[in-house]
Amino acid sequence: MKDPRTAGQRRHDGLLDALLLTLRAGQLPTCNGVTTTILLTMTADQAATGTGLAQTGHGALIPVGQALRMAGGGARVFPVIFDKARRVES
């Protein structure tokens, strides 16, 4: 019988199986308490409204709503505000 999954689904399932086997092997290094850091850039208005696109640290653009969900409720957020009106010209 032909596999009803798409090629993409089969690849996804294969990768998932490989990752689960790796986890179960118990040979991965520990992170020693270091948490994951995700750099997301968006404007204050975008963060307030949940609209537009945020930029990841790797330059990918993702919807602001998705970026905010990635941050989750337990995330430590460090806002950095650039005030163009106070910009110092060199």
Protein backbone atom coordinates (compact mmCIF):
# COMPACT_ATOMS: atom_id res chain seq x y z
CA MET A 1 0.00 0.00 0.00
CA LYS A 2 1.28 3.45 -0.91
CA ASP A 3 2.25 5.73 1.99
CA PRO A 4 -0.50 8.40 2.16
CA ARG A 5 1.84 11.04 3.63
CA THR A 6 3.35 13.76 1.46
CA ALA A 7 7.10 13.78 0.86
CA GLY A 8 7.40 16.68 3.29
CA GLN A 9 5.49 14.77 5.97
CA ARG A 10 7.70 11.71 5.48
CA ARG A 11 10.85 13.83 5.83
CA HIS A 12 9.42 15.50 8.93
CA ASP A 13 8.56 12.14 10.49
CA GLY A 14 12.03 10.81 9.70
CA LEU A 15 13.72 13.82 11.29
CA LEU A 16 11.46 13.57 14.34
CA ASP A 17 12.31 9.87 14.75
CA ALA A 18 16.03 10.61 14.48
CA LEU A 19 15.82 13.38 17.08
CA LEU A 20 13.81 11.23 19.47
CA LEU A 21 16.35 8.41 19.16
CA THR A 22 19.13 10.89 19.92
CA LEU A 23 17.32 12.12 23.03
CA ARG A 24 16.63 8.59 24.25
CA ALA A 25 20.29 7.62 23.84
CA GLY A 26 21.09 9.88 26.81
CA GLN A 27 24.39 11.01 25.32
CA LEU A 28 23.60 14.66 24.64
CA PRO A 29 25.56 17.24 26.62
CA THR A 30 23.67 19.19 29.26
CA CYS A 31 23.25 22.92 28.90
CA ASN A 32 24.36 23.53 32.52
CA GLY A 33 21.47 25.88 33.18
CA VAL A 34 22.03 28.07 30.15
CA THR A 35 18.70 29.03 28.68
CA THR A 36 17.87 29.50 25.04
CA THR A 37 18.21 33.01 23.68
CA ILE A 38 16.05 34.16 20.81
CA LEU A 39 16.67 37.61 19.40
CA LEU A 40 13.53 39.17 17.94
CA THR A 41 13.37 42.73 16.63
CA MET A 42 10.12 44.65 16.23
CA THR A 43 8.80 48.12 16.93
CA ALA A 44 6.97 48.99 20.14
CA ASP A 45 3.79 49.53 18.11
CA GLN A 46 4.12 46.08 16.54
CA ALA A 47 4.58 44.48 19.96
CA ALA A 48 1.55 46.34 21.33
CA THR A 49 -0.73 45.50 18.41
CA GLY A 50 0.65 42.07 17.50
CA THR A 51 0.75 43.01 13.82
CA GLY A 52 3.49 43.24 11.22
CA LEU A 53 6.72 41.31 10.86
CA ALA A 54 9.46 40.76 13.41
CA GLN A 55 13.04 39.98 12.41
CA THR A 56 14.94 37.10 13.98
CA GLY A 57 18.60 37.26 14.86
CA HIS A 58 19.29 35.35 11.63
CA GLY A 59 17.40 37.87 9.49
CA ALA A 60 14.25 35.83 8.88
CA LEU A 61 10.95 37.67 8.96
CA ILE A 62 8.12 36.13 10.98
CA PRO A 63 4.69 37.45 11.95
CA VAL A 64 4.80 39.48 15.19
CA GLY A 65 2.04 37.30 16.65
CA GLN A 66 4.24 34.24 16.19
CA ALA A 67 7.24 36.07 17.67
CA LEU A 68 5.23 36.99 20.74
CA ARG A 69 4.05 33.38 21.14
CA MET A 70 7.68 32.23 20.89
CA ALA A 71 8.56 34.64 23.71
CA GLY A 72 5.84 33.06 25.84
CA GLY A 73 4.74 34.12 29.28
CA GLY A 74 7.95 33.12 31.05
CA ALA A 75 10.29 34.98 28.75
CA ARG A 76 12.57 37.71 29.98
CA VAL A 77 12.12 40.60 27.59
CA PHE A 78 14.76 43.28 27.31
CA PRO A 79 13.31 46.15 25.32
CA VAL A 80 15.79 48.36 23.53
CA ILE A 81 14.30 51.61 22.31
CA PHE A 82 15.99 53.69 19.68
CA ASP A 83 14.69 57.26 19.74
CA LYS A 84 15.37 58.73 16.30
CA ALA A 85 14.69 62.24 17.58
CA ARG A 86 17.63 61.97 20.00
CA ARG A 87 20.04 60.29 17.61
CA VAL A 88 23.55 61.67 17.85
CA GLU A 89 25.25 62.30 14.52
CA SER A 90 28.95 61.51 14.41
